[in-house]
Each structure stands twice: as C-alpha cells, then as structure tokens.
C-alpha cells in the first residue's frame, strides 16, 4: 500500500471531485467511470485520516 501525505490525499480528493462534477453520464461506460471515481473518492477520504502530515508544510514553515 502506498503512503501519501495528507496534502497529496487532499489534492487527489479535489481532482476526483472535480472530475465527478464535470462527468456527463450518457452511456454505460460513463456510469461505470462514475462508480469507479466514487469508489476512489471513498478510499481517498478514508486515507485522509490515516495520511502522515505533509512534508510540504514543514519545508515552507522553515523559509
């Protein structure tokens, strides 16, 4: 299992939410993509609580 920082998980959640908001369901393939994205979003949100703190924030705090 890959480990991502909290910031990375947050970014991925935003990207999936954006894709879902623009998805136009016109056929079975679109519906399958929507379900896949919804599952990914659920998984990412579950990881958000387990993700380590972002290294990006620590780097910017020192500059």
PDB file of N, CA and C in Angstrom:
ATOM      1  N   UNK A   1       0.841  -1.178   0.000  1.00  0.00           N
ATOM      2  CA  UNK A   1       0.000   0.000   0.000  1.00  0.00           C
ATOM      3  C   UNK A   1       0.889   1.244   0.000  1.00  0.00           C
ATOM      4  N   UNK A   2       0.562   2.194  -0.836  1.00  0.00           N
ATOM      5  CA  UNK A   2       1.331   3.432  -0.925  1.00  0.00           C
ATOM      6  C   UNK A   2       0.958   4.383   0.197  1.00  0.00           C
ATOM      7  N   UNK A   3       1.946   5.142   0.647  1.00  0.00           N
ATOM      8  CA  UNK A   3       1.690   6.168   1.641  1.00  0.00           C
ATOM      9  C   UNK A   3       1.790   7.529   0.986  1.00  0.00           C
ATOM     10  N   UNK A   4       0.769   8.339   1.178  1.00  0.00           N
ATOM     11  CA  UNK A   4       0.753   9.694   0.660  1.00  0.00           C
ATOM     12  C   UNK A   4       0.615  10.663   1.817  1.00  0.00           C
ATOM     13  N   UNK A   5       1.154  11.860   1.657  1.00  0.00           N
ATOM     14  CA  UNK A   5       0.989  12.885   2.681  1.00  0.00           C
ATOM     15  C   UNK A   5      -0.471  13.343   2.690  1.00  0.00           C
ATOM     16  N   UNK A   6      -0.862  13.965   3.780  1.00  0.00           N
ATOM     17  CA  UNK A   6      -2.229  14.480   3.888  1.00  0.00           C
ATOM     18  C   UNK A   6      -2.517  15.475   2.767  1.00  0.00           C
ATOM     19  N   UNK A   7      -1.556  16.290   2.411  1.00  0.00           N
ATOM     20  CA  UNK A   7      -1.729  17.287   1.350  1.00  0.00           C
ATOM     21  C   UNK A   7      -1.950  16.611  -0.005  1.00  0.00           C
ATOM     22  N   UNK A   8      -1.211  15.557  -0.271  1.00  0.00           N
ATOM     23  CA  UNK A   8      -1.381  14.828  -1.526  1.00  0.00           C
ATOM     24  C   UNK A   8      -2.753  14.188  -1.594  1.00  0.00           C
ATOM     25  N   UNK A   9      -3.200  13.575  -0.507  1.00  0.00           N
ATOM     26  CA  UNK A   9      -4.528  12.962  -0.482  1.00  0.00           C
ATOM     27  C   UNK A   9      -5.595  14.033  -0.710  1.00  0.00           C
ATOM     28  N   UNK A  10      -5.437  15.190  -0.075  1.00  0.00           N
ATOM     29  CA  UNK A  10      -6.387  16.288  -0.250  1.00  0.00           C
ATOM     30  C   UNK A  10      -6.444  16.740  -1.713  1.00  0.00           C
ATOM     31  N   UNK A  11      -5.295  16.818  -2.355  1.00  0.00           N
ATOM     32  CA  UNK A  11      -5.234  17.207  -3.766  1.00  0.00           C
ATOM     33  C   UNK A  11      -5.925  16.168  -4.646  1.00  0.00           C
ATOM     34  N   UNK A  12      -5.684  14.904  -4.375  1.00  0.00           N
ATOM     35  CA  UNK A  12      -6.324  13.838  -5.149  1.00  0.00           C
ATOM     36  C   UNK A  12      -7.840  13.848  -4.966  1.00  0.00           C
ATOM     37  N   UNK A  13      -8.296  14.087  -3.745  1.00  0.00           N
ATOM     38  CA  UNK A  13      -9.735  14.194  -3.484  1.00  0.00           C
ATOM     39  C   UNK A  13     -10.325  15.329  -4.312  1.00  0.00           C
ATOM     40  N   UNK A  14      -9.655  16.478  -4.315  1.00  0.00           N
ATOM     41  CA  UNK A  14     -10.139  17.614  -5.109  1.00  0.00           C
ATOM     42  C   UNK A  14     -10.228  17.269  -6.589  1.00  0.00           C
ATOM     43  N   UNK A  15      -9.213  16.592  -7.114  1.00  0.00           N
ATOM     44  CA  UNK A  15      -9.213  16.217  -8.526  1.00  0.00           C
ATOM     45  C   UNK A  15     -10.351  15.261  -8.865  1.00  0.00           C
ATOM     46  N   UNK A  16     -10.569  14.268  -8.013  1.00  0.00           N
ATOM     47  CA  UNK A  16     -11.652  13.307  -8.264  1.00  0.00           C
ATOM     48  C   UNK A  16     -13.005  14.006  -8.167  1.00  0.00           C
ATOM     49  N   UNK A  17     -13.170  14.885  -7.168  1.00  0.00           N
ATOM     50  CA  UNK A  17     -14.435  15.622  -7.036  1.00  0.00           C
ATOM     51  C   UNK A  17     -14.690  16.486  -8.267  1.00  0.00           C
ATOM     52  N   UNK A  18     -13.635  17.129  -8.775  1.00  0.00           N
ATOM     53  CA  UNK A  18     -13.787  17.949  -9.983  1.00  0.00           C
ATOM     54  C   UNK A  18     -14.196  17.098 -11.174  1.00  0.00           C
ATOM     55  N   UNK A  19     -13.547  15.964 -11.339  1.00  0.00           N
ATOM     56  CA  UNK A  19     -13.881  15.083 -12.469  1.00  0.00           C
ATOM     57  C   UNK A  19     -15.331  14.615 -12.365  1.00  0.00           C
ATOM     58  N   UNK A  20     -15.763  14.252 -11.154  1.00  0.00           N
ATOM     59  CA  UNK A  20     -17.147  13.825 -10.964  1.00  0.00           C
ATOM     60  C   UNK A  20     -18.133  14.943 -11.298  1.00  0.00           C
ATOM     61  N   UNK A  21     -17.783  16.162 -10.939  1.00  0.00           N
ATOM     62  CA  UNK A  21     -18.710  17.274 -11.180  1.00  0.00           C
ATOM     63  C   UNK A  21     -18.865  17.580 -12.671  1.00  0.00           C
ATOM     64  N   UNK A  22     -17.850  17.262 -13.474  1.00  0.00           N
ATOM     65  CA  UNK A  22     -17.908  17.522 -14.905  1.00  0.00           C
ATOM     66  C   UNK A  22     -18.310  16.314 -15.740  1.00  0.00           C
ATOM     67  N   UNK A  23     -18.468  15.184 -15.101  1.00  0.00           N
ATOM     68  CA  UNK A  23     -18.796  13.953 -15.822  1.00  0.00           C
ATOM     69  C   UNK A  23     -20.230  14.014 -16.342  1.00  0.00           C
ATOM     70  N   UNK A  24     -20.375  13.760 -17.620  1.00  0.00           N
ATOM     71  CA  UNK A  24     -21.689  13.756 -18.264  1.00  0.00           C
ATOM     72  C   UNK A  24     -22.059  12.301 -18.551  1.00  0.00           C
ATOM     73  N   UNK A  25     -23.035  11.800 -17.824  1.00  0.00           N
ATOM     74  CA  UNK A  25     -23.421  10.400 -17.947  1.00  0.00           C
ATOM     75  C   UNK A  25     -24.345  10.235 -19.147  1.00  0.00           C
ATOM     76  N   UNK A  26     -23.819   9.601 -20.198  1.00  0.00           N
ATOM     77  CA  UNK A  26     -24.631   9.378 -21.394  1.00  0.00           C
ATOM     78  C   UNK A  26     -24.760   7.908 -21.770  1.00  0.00           C
ATOM     79  N   UNK A  27     -23.895   7.070 -21.192  1.00  0.00           N
ATOM     80  CA  UNK A  27     -23.965   5.651 -21.526  1.00  0.00           C
ATOM     81  C   UNK A  27     -23.425   4.800 -20.377  1.00  0.00           C
ATOM     82  N   UNK A  28     -23.391   3.515 -20.597  1.00  0.00           N
ATOM     83  CA  UNK A  28     -22.964   2.559 -19.581  1.00  0.00           C
ATOM     84  C   UNK A  28     -21.503   2.773 -19.164  1.00  0.00           C
ATOM     85  N   UNK A  29     -20.652   3.115 -20.123  1.00  0.00           N
ATOM     86  CA  UNK A  29     -19.243   3.356 -19.811  1.00  0.00           C
ATOM     87  C   UNK A  29     -19.082   4.567 -18.889  1.00  0.00           C
ATOM     88  N   UNK A  30     -19.862   5.613 -19.137  1.00  0.00           N
ATOM     89  CA  UNK A  30     -19.814   6.792 -18.276  1.00  0.00           C
ATOM     90  C   UNK A  30     -20.268   6.453 -16.862  1.00  0.00           C
ATOM     91  N   UNK A  31     -21.308   5.630 -16.757  1.00  0.00           N
ATOM     92  CA  UNK A  31     -21.810   5.223 -15.440  1.00  0.00           C
ATOM     93  C   UNK A  31     -20.756   4.392 -14.710  1.00  0.00           C
ATOM     94  N   UNK A  32     -20.073   3.521 -15.432  1.00  0.00           N
ATOM     95  CA  UNK A  32     -19.010   2.711 -14.828  1.00  0.00           C
ATOM     96  C   UNK A  32     -17.866   3.607 -14.343  1.00  0.00           C
ATOM     97  N   UNK A  33     -17.517   4.622 -15.131  1.00  0.00           N
ATOM     98  CA  UNK A  33     -16.470   5.559 -14.717  1.00  0.00           C
ATOM     99  C   UNK A  33     -16.894   6.324 -13.466  1.00  0.00           C
ATOM    100  N   UNK A  34     -18.166   6.725 -13.415  1.00  0.00           N
ATOM    101  CA  UNK A  34     -18.671   7.442 -12.253  1.00  0.00           C
ATOM    102  C   UNK A  34     -18.557   6.576 -10.990  1.00  0.00           C
ATOM    103  N   UNK A  35     -18.943   5.321 -11.106  1.00  0.00           N
ATOM    104  CA  UNK A  35     -18.865   4.416  -9.954  1.00  0.00           C
ATOM    105  C   UNK A  35     -17.421   4.200  -9.518  1.00  0.00           C
ATOM    106  N   UNK A  36     -16.518   4.073 -10.490  1.00  0.00           N
ATOM    107  CA  UNK A  36     -15.104   3.921 -10.176  1.00  0.00           C
ATOM    108  C   UNK A  36     -14.572   5.152  -9.448  1.00  0.00           C
ATOM    109  N   UNK A  37     -14.927   6.336  -9.926  1.00  0.00           N
ATOM    110  CA  UNK A  37     -14.492   7.577  -9.288  1.00  0.00           C
ATOM    111  C   UNK A  37     -15.082   7.722  -7.885  1.00  0.00           C
ATOM    112  N   UNK A  38     -16.336   7.312  -7.707  1.00  0.00           N
ATOM    113  CA  UNK A  38     -16.953   7.377  -6.383  1.00  0.00           C
ATOM    114  C   UNK A  38     -16.244   6.444  -5.403  1.00  0.00           C
ATOM    115  N   UNK A  39     -15.875   5.250  -5.872  1.00  0.00           N
ATOM    116  CA  UNK A  39     -15.125   4.323  -5.006  1.00  0.00           C
ATOM    117  C   UNK A  39     -13.754   4.889  -4.665  1.00  0.00           C
ATOM    118  N   UNK A  40     -13.110   5.493  -5.653  1.00  0.00           N
ATOM    119  CA  UNK A  40     -11.800   6.104  -5.417  1.00  0.00           C
ATOM    120  C   UNK A  40     -11.916   7.225  -4.392  1.00  0.00           C
ATOM    121  N   UNK A  41     -12.968   8.024  -4.495  1.00  0.00           N
ATOM    122  CA  UNK A  41     -13.178   9.124  -3.562  1.00  0.00           C
ATOM    123  C   UNK A  41     -13.398   8.594  -2.143  1.00  0.00           C
ATOM    124  N   UNK A  42     -14.170   7.547  -2.012  1.00  0.00           N
ATOM    125  CA  UNK A  42     -14.392   6.930  -0.702  1.00  0.00           C
ATOM    126  C   UNK A  42     -13.086   6.427  -0.112  1.00  0.00           C
ATOM    127  N   UNK A  43     -12.281   5.771  -0.942  1.00  0.00           N
ATOM    128  CA  UNK A  43     -10.993   5.258  -0.472  1.00  0.00           C
ATOM    129  C   UNK A  43     -10.046   6.394  -0.082  1.00  0.00           C
ATOM    130  N   UNK A  44     -10.000   7.422  -0.907  1.00  0.00           N
ATOM    131  CA  UNK A  44      -9.125   8.562  -0.598  1.00  0.00           C
ATOM    132  C   UNK A  44      -9.551   9.256   0.692  1.00  0.00           C
ATOM    133  N   UNK A  45     -10.846   9.423   0.888  1.00  0.00           N
ATOM    134  CA  UNK A  45     -11.322  10.065   2.113  1.00  0.00           C
ATOM    135  C   UNK A  45     -10.981   9.230   3.335  1.00  0.00           C
ATOM    136  N   UNK A  46     -10.995   7.916   3.183  1.00  0.00           N
ATOM    137  CA  UNK A  46     -10.588   7.038   4.273  1.00  0.00           C
ATOM    138  C   UNK A  46      -9.115   7.178   4.585  1.00  0.00           C
ATOM    139  N   UNK A  47      -8.310   7.391   3.552  1.00  0.00           N
ATOM    140  CA  UNK A  47      -6.860   7.574   3.740  1.00  0.00           C
ATOM    141  C   UNK A  47      -6.524   8.939   4.327  1.00  0.00           C
ATOM    142  N   UNK A  48      -7.403   9.909   4.106  1.00  0.00           N
ATOM    143  CA  UNK A  48      -7.125  11.266   4.578  1.00  0.00           C
ATOM    144  C   UNK A  48      -6.930  11.274   6.086  1.00  0.00           C
ATOM    145  N   UNK A  49      -7.629  10.419   6.790  1.00  0.00           N
ATOM    146  CA  UNK A  49      -7.497  10.377   8.246  1.00  0.00           C
ATOM    147  C   UNK A  49      -6.251   9.615   8.673  1.00  0.00           C
ATOM    148  N   UNK A  50      -5.700   8.790   7.763  1.00  0.00           N
ATOM    149  CA  UNK A  50      -4.526   7.980   8.095  1.00  0.00           C
ATOM    150  C   UNK A  50      -3.236   8.556   7.514  1.00  0.00           C
ATOM    151  N   UNK A  51      -3.339   9.581   6.679  1.00  0.00           N
ATOM    152  CA  UNK A  51      -2.162  10.104   5.983  1.00  0.00           C
ATOM    153  C   UNK A  51      -1.218  10.816   6.943  1.00  0.00           C
ATOM    154  N   UNK A  52       0.093  10.651   6.722  1.00  0.00           N
ATOM    155  CA  UNK A  52       1.061  11.372   7.542  1.00  0.00           C
ATOM    156  C   UNK A  52       1.005  12.858   7.237  1.00  0.00           C
ATOM    157  N   UNK A  53       1.467  13.697   8.157  1.00  0.00           N
ATOM    158  CA  UNK A  53       1.481  15.142   7.897  1.00  0.00           C
ATOM    159  C   UNK A  53       2.275  15.453   6.636  1.00  0.00           C
ATOM    160  N   UNK A  54       1.932  16.527   6.004  1.00  0.00           N
ATOM    161  CA  UNK A  54       2.573  16.905   4.748  1.00  0.00           C
ATOM    162  C   UNK A  54       3.973  17.438   4.981  1.00  0.00           C
ATOM    163  N   UNK A  55       4.919  16.917   4.233  1.00  0.00           N
ATOM    164  CA  UNK A  55       6.287  17.416   4.291  1.00  0.00           C
ATOM    165  C   UNK A  55       6.353  18.809   3.672  1.00  0.00           C
ATOM    166  N   UNK A  56       5.437  19.107   2.732  1.00  0.00           N
ATOM    167  CA  UNK A  56       5.416  20.420   2.091  1.00  0.00           C
ATOM    168  C   UNK A  56       5.262  21.528   3.126  1.00  0.00           C
ATOM    169  N   UNK A  57       4.398  21.312   4.096  1.00  0.00           N
ATOM    170  CA  UNK A  57       4.148  22.337   5.099  1.00  0.00           C
ATOM    171  C   UNK A  57       5.374  22.575   5.959  1.00  0.00           C
ATOM    172  N   UNK A  58       6.082  21.512   6.294  1.00  0.00           N
ATOM    173  CA  UNK A  58       7.279  21.648   7.114  1.00  0.00           C
ATOM    174  C   UNK A  58       8.371  22.401   6.356  1.00  0.00           C
ATOM    175  N   UNK A  59       8.489  22.157   5.077  1.00  0.00           N
ATOM    176  CA  UNK A  59       9.508  22.832   4.276  1.00  0.00           C
ATOM    177  C   UNK A  59       9.194  24.329   4.181  1.00  0.00           C
ATOM    178  N   UNK A  60       7.932  24.674   3.922  1.00  0.00           N
ATOM    179  CA  UNK A  60       7.554  26.080   3.794  1.00  0.00           C
ATOM    180  C   UNK A  60       7.625  26.807   5.132  1.00  0.00           C
ATOM    181  N   UNK A  61       7.441  26.110   6.218  1.00  0.00           N
ATOM    182  CA  UNK A  61       7.483  26.750   7.534  1.00  0.00           C
ATOM    183  C   UNK A  61       8.885  27.223   7.876  1.00  0.00           C
ATOM    184  N   UNK A  62       9.911  26.590   7.316  1.00  0.00           N
ATOM    185  CA  UNK A  62      11.291  26.942   7.630  1.00  0.00           C
ATOM    186  C   UNK A  62      11.835  28.072   6.768  1.00  0.00           C
ATOM    187  N   UNK A  63      11.104  28.503   5.725  1.00  0.00           N
ATOM    188  CA  UNK A  63      11.606  29.535   4.811  1.00  0.00           C
ATOM    189  C   UNK A  63      11.023  30.873   5.108  1.00  0.00           C
TER     190      UNK A  63
END
